[in-house]
Amino acid sequence: MAGELVDVSKLRMEQSLRRFRLVVIGEIVVIVGLAAMLSEEYQNNQFMRQWVKTNFWPADFFLNGYFVTAVAGMLVGIALASYRNRRSRDQAILDALRRLI
């Protein structure tokens, strides 16, 4: 009975962790998307560029287009690496099960 309770609570914890990861990934996608749109507006709006250079010059680095591209590229790389890691881990589990059978 106690083992079953631990298993159920562990399952609930894993489900909560999955939901949390999905929420975090969703937030990251929204933030990068908004940053890309703001960067695009910055590059096309002469008045915005002048205001940023005059009043908040450090933002010029973040809005020039390269930063958003670099962040998006890093996120794609991280996603691909974690997908590959998950596939190799699942494959290792399947290989171990095949050896047992």
N, C-alpha and C. Protein backbone atom coordinates (compact mmCIF):
# COMPACT_ATOMS: atom_id res chain seq x y z
N MET A 1 0.82 -1.19 0.00
CA MET A 1 0.00 0.00 0.00
C MET A 1 0.87 1.25 0.00
N ALA A 2 1.90 1.28 0.83
CA ALA A 2 2.76 2.46 0.90
C ALA A 2 3.53 2.63 -0.40
N GLY A 3 3.93 1.50 -1.02
CA GLY A 3 4.63 1.57 -2.30
C GLY A 3 3.77 2.16 -3.39
N GLU A 4 2.47 1.83 -3.36
CA GLU A 4 1.56 2.37 -4.36
C GLU A 4 1.38 3.87 -4.18
N LEU A 5 1.33 4.34 -2.94
CA LEU A 5 1.20 5.77 -2.69
C LEU A 5 2.42 6.52 -3.18
N VAL A 6 3.59 5.95 -2.98
CA VAL A 6 4.81 6.58 -3.45
C VAL A 6 4.80 6.64 -4.97
N ASP A 7 4.36 5.56 -5.62
CA ASP A 7 4.32 5.52 -7.08
C ASP A 7 3.34 6.55 -7.63
N VAL A 8 2.17 6.68 -6.98
CA VAL A 8 1.17 7.65 -7.43
C VAL A 8 1.69 9.07 -7.24
N SER A 9 2.31 9.34 -6.10
CA SER A 9 2.83 10.69 -5.87
C SER A 9 3.99 10.98 -6.83
N LYS A 10 4.79 9.97 -7.13
CA LYS A 10 5.88 10.17 -8.08
C LYS A 10 5.30 10.44 -9.47
N LEU A 11 4.25 9.73 -9.85
CA LEU A 11 3.61 9.94 -11.13
C LEU A 11 3.03 11.35 -11.22
N ARG A 12 2.38 11.80 -10.16
CA ARG A 12 1.83 13.16 -10.14
C ARG A 12 2.94 14.20 -10.25
N MET A 13 4.06 13.93 -9.58
CA MET A 13 5.20 14.86 -9.64
C MET A 13 5.74 14.93 -11.07
N GLU A 14 5.85 13.77 -11.74
CA GLU A 14 6.33 13.75 -13.12
C GLU A 14 5.38 14.48 -14.06
N GLN A 15 4.08 14.31 -13.84
CA GLN A 15 3.09 15.01 -14.67
C GLN A 15 3.18 16.51 -14.44
N SER A 16 3.35 16.92 -13.21
CA SER A 16 3.50 18.34 -12.91
C SER A 16 4.76 18.91 -13.55
N LEU A 17 5.82 18.14 -13.53
CA LEU A 17 7.07 18.57 -14.14
C LEU A 17 6.91 18.71 -15.65
N ARG A 18 6.20 17.79 -16.29
CA ARG A 18 5.94 17.89 -17.73
C ARG A 18 5.14 19.14 -18.06
N ARG A 19 4.11 19.40 -17.28
CA ARG A 19 3.30 20.60 -17.50
C ARG A 19 4.13 21.86 -17.32
N PHE A 20 4.96 21.87 -16.29
CA PHE A 20 5.82 23.02 -16.03
C PHE A 20 6.77 23.24 -17.21
N ARG A 21 7.36 22.16 -17.73
CA ARG A 21 8.26 22.29 -18.88
C ARG A 21 7.52 22.85 -20.09
N LEU A 22 6.30 22.38 -20.33
CA LEU A 22 5.53 22.90 -21.46
C LEU A 22 5.21 24.38 -21.29
N VAL A 23 4.90 24.79 -20.07
CA VAL A 23 4.61 26.21 -19.81
C VAL A 23 5.87 27.04 -20.05
N VAL A 24 7.00 26.56 -19.56
CA VAL A 24 8.26 27.29 -19.75
C VAL A 24 8.61 27.39 -21.22
N ILE A 25 8.47 26.30 -21.96
CA ILE A 25 8.77 26.32 -23.39
C ILE A 25 7.83 27.29 -24.11
N GLY A 26 6.56 27.27 -23.74
CA GLY A 26 5.61 28.21 -24.33
C GLY A 26 5.98 29.65 -24.06
N GLU A 27 6.37 29.95 -22.83
CA GLU A 27 6.78 31.31 -22.48
C GLU A 27 8.01 31.74 -23.27
N ILE A 28 8.96 30.83 -23.42
CA ILE A 28 10.17 31.16 -24.17
C ILE A 28 9.83 31.47 -25.62
N VAL A 29 8.96 30.65 -26.22
CA VAL A 29 8.57 30.88 -27.60
C VAL A 29 7.88 32.24 -27.75
N VAL A 30 6.99 32.57 -26.83
CA VAL A 30 6.29 33.85 -26.90
C VAL A 30 7.27 35.01 -26.72
N ILE A 31 8.18 34.91 -25.77
CA ILE A 31 9.14 36.00 -25.53
C ILE A 31 10.05 36.20 -26.72
N VAL A 32 10.57 35.11 -27.29
CA VAL A 32 11.45 35.25 -28.45
C VAL A 32 10.66 35.80 -29.64
N GLY A 33 9.42 35.36 -29.80
CA GLY A 33 8.59 35.90 -30.87
C GLY A 33 8.34 37.39 -30.73
N LEU A 34 8.02 37.82 -29.52
CA LEU A 34 7.81 39.26 -29.28
C LEU A 34 9.10 40.05 -29.49
N ALA A 35 10.22 39.49 -29.05
CA ALA A 35 11.50 40.17 -29.25
C ALA A 35 11.83 40.27 -30.74
N ALA A 36 11.50 39.24 -31.50
CA ALA A 36 11.74 39.29 -32.95
C ALA A 36 10.88 40.36 -33.61
N MET A 37 9.61 40.45 -33.18
CA MET A 37 8.74 41.48 -33.75
C MET A 37 9.21 42.88 -33.37
N LEU A 38 9.65 43.05 -32.13
CA LEU A 38 10.15 44.36 -31.69
C LEU A 38 11.42 44.71 -32.45
N SER A 39 12.28 43.73 -32.67
CA SER A 39 13.51 43.97 -33.42
C SER A 39 13.20 44.35 -34.87
N GLU A 40 12.23 43.67 -35.47
CA GLU A 40 11.82 43.99 -36.84
C GLU A 40 11.28 45.41 -36.92
N GLU A 41 10.46 45.80 -35.94
CA GLU A 41 9.93 47.17 -35.92
C GLU A 41 11.07 48.18 -35.73
N TYR A 42 12.01 47.85 -34.89
CA TYR A 42 13.16 48.74 -34.64
C TYR A 42 13.95 48.96 -35.93
N GLN A 43 14.16 47.88 -36.69
CA GLN A 43 14.95 48.00 -37.92
C GLN A 43 14.22 48.80 -39.00
N ASN A 44 12.90 48.81 -38.98
CA ASN A 44 12.13 49.49 -40.02
C ASN A 44 11.62 50.87 -39.61
N ASN A 45 11.76 51.25 -38.35
CA ASN A 45 11.21 52.51 -37.86
C ASN A 45 12.35 53.46 -37.50
N GLN A 46 12.56 54.45 -38.34
CA GLN A 46 13.65 55.40 -38.14
C GLN A 46 13.47 56.20 -36.84
N PHE A 47 12.26 56.57 -36.52
CA PHE A 47 12.01 57.36 -35.30
C PHE A 47 12.29 56.53 -34.04
N MET A 48 11.94 55.26 -34.09
CA MET A 48 12.21 54.39 -32.95
C MET A 48 13.71 54.22 -32.76
N ARG A 49 14.46 54.03 -33.87
CA ARG A 49 15.92 53.91 -33.76
C ARG A 49 16.54 55.16 -33.15
N GLN A 50 16.07 56.32 -33.57
CA GLN A 50 16.61 57.58 -33.05
C GLN A 50 16.30 57.73 -31.57
N TRP A 51 15.07 57.38 -31.17
CA TRP A 51 14.69 57.49 -29.76
C TRP A 51 15.52 56.54 -28.90
N VAL A 52 15.69 55.31 -29.36
CA VAL A 52 16.47 54.33 -28.59
C VAL A 52 17.91 54.79 -28.47
N LYS A 53 18.50 55.27 -29.54
CA LYS A 53 19.90 55.73 -29.48
C LYS A 53 20.05 56.93 -28.56
N THR A 54 19.04 57.76 -28.49
CA THR A 54 19.11 58.95 -27.64
C THR A 54 18.82 58.64 -26.18
N ASN A 55 17.79 57.85 -25.91
CA ASN A 55 17.32 57.67 -24.54
C ASN A 55 17.73 56.35 -23.88
N PHE A 56 17.94 55.31 -24.67
CA PHE A 56 18.24 54.01 -24.06
C PHE A 56 19.19 53.24 -24.98
N TRP A 57 20.40 53.76 -25.10
CA TRP A 57 21.35 53.23 -26.07
C TRP A 57 21.75 51.76 -25.88
N PRO A 58 21.75 51.17 -24.66
CA PRO A 58 22.11 49.74 -24.58
C PRO A 58 21.13 48.82 -25.32
N ALA A 59 19.88 49.26 -25.48
CA ALA A 59 18.90 48.43 -26.17
C ALA A 59 19.23 48.29 -27.65
N ASP A 60 20.07 49.16 -28.17
CA ASP A 60 20.47 49.08 -29.57
C ASP A 60 21.10 47.73 -29.88
N PHE A 61 21.87 47.18 -28.94
CA PHE A 61 22.51 45.88 -29.13
C PHE A 61 21.47 44.77 -29.21
N PHE A 62 20.47 44.82 -28.38
CA PHE A 62 19.46 43.76 -28.33
C PHE A 62 18.46 43.84 -29.48
N LEU A 63 18.29 45.02 -30.05
CA LEU A 63 17.28 45.19 -31.08
C LEU A 63 17.84 45.19 -32.49
N ASN A 64 19.16 45.03 -32.64
CA ASN A 64 19.75 45.14 -33.97
C ASN A 64 19.49 43.93 -34.86
N GLY A 65 18.89 42.89 -34.35
CA GLY A 65 18.55 41.73 -35.17
C GLY A 65 19.44 40.54 -34.94
N TYR A 66 20.70 40.77 -34.65
CA TYR A 66 21.63 39.66 -34.46
C TYR A 66 21.38 38.94 -33.14
N PHE A 67 21.02 39.69 -32.12
CA PHE A 67 20.80 39.08 -30.81
C PHE A 67 19.62 38.13 -30.83
N VAL A 68 18.51 38.55 -31.41
CA VAL A 68 17.32 37.70 -31.45
C VAL A 68 17.60 36.45 -32.29
N THR A 69 18.33 36.63 -33.40
CA THR A 69 18.68 35.49 -34.24
C THR A 69 19.56 34.51 -33.48
N ALA A 70 20.52 35.02 -32.75
CA ALA A 70 21.41 34.16 -31.97
C ALA A 70 20.64 33.40 -30.89
N VAL A 71 19.75 34.08 -30.18
CA VAL A 71 18.96 33.43 -29.13
C VAL A 71 18.05 32.36 -29.74
N ALA A 72 17.41 32.67 -30.86
CA ALA A 72 16.54 31.69 -31.51
C ALA A 72 17.36 30.48 -31.97
N GLY A 73 18.54 30.72 -32.50
CA GLY A 73 19.41 29.62 -32.92
C GLY A 73 19.84 28.75 -31.76
N MET A 74 20.17 29.38 -30.64
CA MET A 74 20.56 28.61 -29.46
C MET A 74 19.39 27.77 -28.95
N LEU A 75 18.18 28.33 -28.97
CA LEU A 75 17.01 27.58 -28.51
C LEU A 75 16.72 26.38 -29.42
N VAL A 76 16.88 26.56 -30.71
CA VAL A 76 16.69 25.44 -31.64
C VAL A 76 17.75 24.37 -31.38
N GLY A 77 18.99 24.79 -31.16
CA GLY A 77 20.06 23.84 -30.86
C GLY A 77 19.81 23.07 -29.58
N ILE A 78 19.35 23.76 -28.56
CA ILE A 78 19.05 23.09 -27.29
C ILE A 78 17.90 22.10 -27.47
N ALA A 79 16.88 22.51 -28.22
CA ALA A 79 15.73 21.62 -28.45
C ALA A 79 16.16 20.36 -29.21
N LEU A 80 16.97 20.54 -30.24
CA LEU A 80 17.43 19.38 -31.00
C LEU A 80 18.32 18.47 -30.16
N ALA A 81 19.19 19.05 -29.34
CA ALA A 81 20.06 18.25 -28.49
C ALA A 81 19.26 17.47 -27.45
N SER A 82 18.26 18.10 -26.85
CA SER A 82 17.46 17.38 -25.85
C SER A 82 16.61 16.30 -26.51
N TYR A 83 16.12 16.56 -27.74
CA TYR A 83 15.35 15.53 -28.45
C TYR A 83 16.24 14.34 -28.77
N ARG A 84 17.45 14.61 -29.22
CA ARG A 84 18.38 13.52 -29.53
C ARG A 84 18.74 12.75 -28.27
N ASN A 85 18.97 13.45 -27.17
CA ASN A 85 19.30 12.81 -25.90
C ASN A 85 18.14 11.93 -25.44
N ARG A 86 16.92 12.43 -25.57
CA ARG A 86 15.74 11.65 -25.16
C ARG A 86 15.61 10.40 -26.02
N ARG A 87 15.84 10.55 -27.33
CA ARG A 87 15.75 9.39 -28.22
C ARG A 87 16.81 8.36 -27.88
N SER A 88 18.05 8.81 -27.61
CA SER A 88 19.11 7.85 -27.30
C SER A 88 18.85 7.17 -25.95
N ARG A 89 18.28 7.91 -25.00
CA ARG A 89 17.95 7.31 -23.70
C ARG A 89 16.85 6.27 -23.86
N ASP A 90 15.83 6.61 -24.64
CA ASP A 90 14.75 5.65 -24.90
C ASP A 90 15.27 4.42 -25.64
N GLN A 91 16.17 4.65 -26.58
CA GLN A 91 16.75 3.53 -27.33
C GLN A 91 17.57 2.63 -26.41
N ALA A 92 18.31 3.22 -25.47
CA ALA A 92 19.10 2.43 -24.51
C ALA A 92 18.19 1.57 -23.63
N ILE A 93 17.05 2.13 -23.24
CA ILE A 93 16.09 1.36 -22.43
C ILE A 93 15.53 0.20 -23.25
N LEU A 94 15.18 0.47 -24.51
CA LEU A 94 14.66 -0.60 -25.36
C LEU A 94 15.71 -1.69 -25.60
N ASP A 95 16.96 -1.29 -25.80
CA ASP A 95 18.03 -2.27 -25.99
C ASP A 95 18.22 -3.14 -24.75
N ALA A 96 18.15 -2.51 -23.57
CA ALA A 96 18.28 -3.27 -22.32
C ALA A 96 17.13 -4.24 -22.16
N LEU A 97 15.92 -3.83 -22.52
CA LEU A 97 14.77 -4.74 -22.45
C LEU A 97 14.89 -5.89 -23.43
N ARG A 98 15.40 -5.61 -24.60
CA ARG A 98 15.58 -6.69 -25.59
C ARG A 98 16.59 -7.72 -25.12
N ARG A 99 17.64 -7.25 -24.43
CA ARG A 99 18.64 -8.21 -23.90
C ARG A 99 18.05 -9.09 -22.82
N LEU A 100 17.09 -8.55 -22.06
CA LEU A 100 16.46 -9.35 -21.01
C LEU A 100 15.54 -10.40 -21.57
N ILE A 101 14.92 -10.09 -22.69
CA ILE A 101 13.94 -11.02 -23.28
C ILE A 101 14.60 -12.00 -24.13
